[in-house]
């Protein structure tokens, strides 16, 4: 049975690692998205970094990505920045791809 236990432990270990990598990638995506949205709203420097952190924290409001989308959508609307829902979602997808590449290349 040791072989089966080893195999089970290896699968559990890989699953835990994959979940950690995905968590880091999503947090990185949210930061990148926040920096992008900050730029769209004319926010720069330390204020842009602070805004990006707000976007990262917004992801902890509920499961899924809609909380992040709503934050970005609401903030862009509040600043009268004309960006479509499609563009926001496209940025979310593109930044997630970029973030996964960054996180996996870091090791």
C-alpha atoms as a PDB file:
ATOM      1  CA  UNK A   1       0.000   0.000   0.000  1.00  0.00           C
ATOM      2  CA  UNK A   2       2.958   2.314   0.358  1.00  0.00           C
ATOM      3  CA  UNK A   3       3.028   2.898  -3.402  1.00  0.00           C
ATOM      4  CA  UNK A   4      -0.616   3.974  -3.382  1.00  0.00           C
ATOM      5  CA  UNK A   5      -0.010   6.244  -0.387  1.00  0.00           C
ATOM      6  CA  UNK A   6       2.977   7.807  -2.119  1.00  0.00           C
ATOM      7  CA  UNK A   7       0.941   8.393  -5.246  1.00  0.00           C
ATOM      8  CA  UNK A   8      -1.914   9.934  -3.257  1.00  0.00           C
ATOM      9  CA  UNK A   9       0.507  12.203  -1.389  1.00  0.00           C
ATOM     10  CA  UNK A  10       2.113  13.280  -4.667  1.00  0.00           C
ATOM     11  CA  UNK A  11      -1.285  14.189  -6.146  1.00  0.00           C
ATOM     12  CA  UNK A  12      -2.250  16.116  -3.017  1.00  0.00           C
ATOM     13  CA  UNK A  13       1.063  17.941  -3.056  1.00  0.00           C
ATOM     14  CA  UNK A  14       0.699  18.878  -6.719  1.00  0.00           C
ATOM     15  CA  UNK A  15      -2.874  20.050  -6.168  1.00  0.00           C
ATOM     16  CA  UNK A  16      -1.814  22.235  -3.230  1.00  0.00           C
ATOM     17  CA  UNK A  17       1.048  23.684  -5.277  1.00  0.00           C
ATOM     18  CA  UNK A  18      -1.225  24.385  -8.261  1.00  0.00           C
ATOM     19  CA  UNK A  19      -3.746  26.121  -6.000  1.00  0.00           C
ATOM     20  CA  UNK A  20      -1.016  28.292  -4.471  1.00  0.00           C
ATOM     21  CA  UNK A  21       0.301  29.256  -7.913  1.00  0.00           C
ATOM     22  CA  UNK A  22      -3.216  30.132  -9.116  1.00  0.00           C
ATOM     23  CA  UNK A  23      -3.874  32.219  -5.985  1.00  0.00           C
ATOM     24  CA  UNK A  24      -0.653  34.166  -6.576  1.00  0.00           C
ATOM     25  CA  UNK A  25      -1.471  34.590 -10.275  1.00  0.00           C
ATOM     26  CA  UNK A  26      -4.939  35.968  -9.521  1.00  0.00           C
ATOM     27  CA  UNK A  27      -3.534  38.404  -6.958  1.00  0.00           C
ATOM     28  CA  UNK A  28      -0.912  39.492  -9.509  1.00  0.00           C
ATOM     29  CA  UNK A  29      -3.616  39.835 -12.186  1.00  0.00           C
ATOM     30  CA  UNK A  30      -5.639  42.048  -9.873  1.00  0.00           C
ATOM     31  CA  UNK A  31      -2.632  44.271  -9.189  1.00  0.00           C
ATOM     32  CA  UNK A  32      -1.892  44.596 -12.911  1.00  0.00           C
ATOM     33  CA  UNK A  33      -5.566  45.335 -13.562  1.00  0.00           C
ATOM     34  CA  UNK A  34      -5.573  47.938 -10.817  1.00  0.00           C
ATOM     35  CA  UNK A  35      -2.502  49.643 -12.251  1.00  0.00           C
ATOM     36  CA  UNK A  36      -4.093  49.632 -15.713  1.00  0.00           C
ATOM     37  CA  UNK A  37      -7.363  51.090 -14.377  1.00  0.00           C
ATOM     38  CA  UNK A  38      -5.442  53.678 -12.367  1.00  0.00           C
ATOM     39  CA  UNK A  39      -3.739  54.762 -15.583  1.00  0.00           C
ATOM     40  CA  UNK A  40      -7.096  55.018 -17.331  1.00  0.00           C
ATOM     41  CA  UNK A  41      -8.307  57.279 -14.516  1.00  0.00           C
ATOM     42  CA  UNK A  42      -5.174  59.421 -14.549  1.00  0.00           C
ATOM     43  CA  UNK A  43      -3.897  58.119 -11.210  1.00  0.00           C
ATOM     44  CA  UNK A  44      -0.100  57.852 -11.027  1.00  0.00           C
ATOM     45  CA  UNK A  45       2.769  56.951  -8.720  1.00  0.00           C
ATOM     46  CA  UNK A  46       2.071  55.951  -5.126  1.00  0.00           C
ATOM     47  CA  UNK A  47      -1.638  56.638  -5.578  1.00  0.00           C
ATOM     48  CA  UNK A  48      -1.732  54.110  -8.447  1.00  0.00           C
ATOM     49  CA  UNK A  49       0.019  51.510  -6.278  1.00  0.00           C
ATOM     50  CA  UNK A  50      -2.452  52.176  -3.447  1.00  0.00           C
ATOM     51  CA  UNK A  51      -5.371  51.827  -5.860  1.00  0.00           C
ATOM     52  CA  UNK A  52      -3.966  48.539  -7.184  1.00  0.00           C
ATOM     53  CA  UNK A  53      -3.872  47.234  -3.594  1.00  0.00           C
ATOM     54  CA  UNK A  54      -7.535  48.195  -3.210  1.00  0.00           C
ATOM     55  CA  UNK A  55      -8.335  46.127  -6.297  1.00  0.00           C
ATOM     56  CA  UNK A  56      -6.420  43.143  -4.878  1.00  0.00           C
ATOM     57  CA  UNK A  57      -8.368  43.454  -1.617  1.00  0.00           C
ATOM     58  CA  UNK A  58     -11.675  43.713  -3.486  1.00  0.00           C
ATOM     59  CA  UNK A  59     -11.204  40.120  -4.647  1.00  0.00           C
ATOM     60  CA  UNK A  60     -11.735  38.899  -1.079  1.00  0.00           C
ATOM     61  CA  UNK A  61     -15.310  40.187  -0.927  1.00  0.00           C
ATOM     62  CA  UNK A  62     -16.843  37.102  -2.561  1.00  0.00           C
ATOM     63  CA  UNK A  63     -15.913  34.009  -4.526  1.00  0.00           C
ATOM     64  CA  UNK A  64     -15.174  34.515  -8.203  1.00  0.00           C
ATOM     65  CA  UNK A  65     -14.026  37.542 -10.122  1.00  0.00           C
ATOM     66  CA  UNK A  66     -17.188  39.645 -10.270  1.00  0.00           C
ATOM     67  CA  UNK A  67     -16.237  41.608  -7.160  1.00  0.00           C
ATOM     68  CA  UNK A  68     -13.077  42.807  -8.902  1.00  0.00           C
ATOM     69  CA  UNK A  69     -14.990  43.601 -12.085  1.00  0.00           C
ATOM     70  CA  UNK A  70     -17.597  45.613 -10.137  1.00  0.00           C
ATOM     71  CA  UNK A  71     -14.885  47.600  -8.335  1.00  0.00           C
ATOM     72  CA  UNK A  72     -13.142  48.520 -11.588  1.00  0.00           C
ATOM     73  CA  UNK A  73     -16.449  49.232 -13.382  1.00  0.00           C
ATOM     74  CA  UNK A  74     -17.717  51.420 -10.543  1.00  0.00           C
ATOM     75  CA  UNK A  75     -14.470  53.359 -10.184  1.00  0.00           C
ATOM     76  CA  UNK A  76     -14.170  53.994 -13.920  1.00  0.00           C
ATOM     77  CA  UNK A  77     -17.796  55.138 -14.014  1.00  0.00           C
ATOM     78  CA  UNK A  78     -17.264  57.420 -11.007  1.00  0.00           C
ATOM     79  CA  UNK A  79     -14.395  59.121 -12.862  1.00  0.00           C
ATOM     80  CA  UNK A  80     -16.428  59.246 -16.110  1.00  0.00           C
ATOM     81  CA  UNK A  81     -13.875  57.099 -17.924  1.00  0.00           C
ATOM     82  CA  UNK A  82     -15.429  55.518 -21.003  1.00  0.00           C
ATOM     83  CA  UNK A  83     -14.251  51.894 -21.038  1.00  0.00           C
ATOM     84  CA  UNK A  84     -16.627  49.095 -22.048  1.00  0.00           C
ATOM     85  CA  UNK A  85     -17.335  46.012 -19.959  1.00  0.00           C
ATOM     86  CA  UNK A  86     -15.808  43.993 -22.780  1.00  0.00           C
ATOM     87  CA  UNK A  87     -12.504  45.862 -22.521  1.00  0.00           C
ATOM     88  CA  UNK A  88     -12.387  45.425 -18.740  1.00  0.00           C
ATOM     89  CA  UNK A  89     -13.034  41.688 -19.039  1.00  0.00           C
ATOM     90  CA  UNK A  90     -10.489  41.398 -21.858  1.00  0.00           C
ATOM     91  CA  UNK A  91      -7.910  43.139 -19.670  1.00  0.00           C
ATOM     92  CA  UNK A  92      -8.762  40.746 -16.843  1.00  0.00           C
ATOM     93  CA  UNK A  93      -8.180  37.757 -19.141  1.00  0.00           C
ATOM     94  CA  UNK A  94      -4.996  39.155 -20.666  1.00  0.00           C
ATOM     95  CA  UNK A  95      -3.520  40.137 -17.310  1.00  0.00           C
ATOM     96  CA  UNK A  96      -4.308  36.679 -15.900  1.00  0.00           C
ATOM     97  CA  UNK A  97      -2.326  35.068 -18.712  1.00  0.00           C
ATOM     98  CA  UNK A  98       0.541  37.484 -18.082  1.00  0.00           C
ATOM     99  CA  UNK A  99       0.374  36.951 -14.310  1.00  0.00           C
ATOM    100  CA  UNK A 100       0.412  33.141 -14.646  1.00  0.00           C
ATOM    101  CA  UNK A 101       3.510  33.380 -16.832  1.00  0.00           C
ATOM    102  CA  UNK A 102       5.211  35.679 -14.319  1.00  0.00           C
ATOM    103  CA  UNK A 103       4.355  33.534 -11.306  1.00  0.00           C
ATOM    104  CA  UNK A 104       5.413  30.256 -12.930  1.00  0.00           C
ATOM    105  CA  UNK A 105       8.676  31.745 -14.192  1.00  0.00           C
ATOM    106  CA  UNK A 106       9.518  32.937 -10.663  1.00  0.00           C
ATOM    107  CA  UNK A 107       9.552  29.395  -9.569  1.00  0.00           C
END
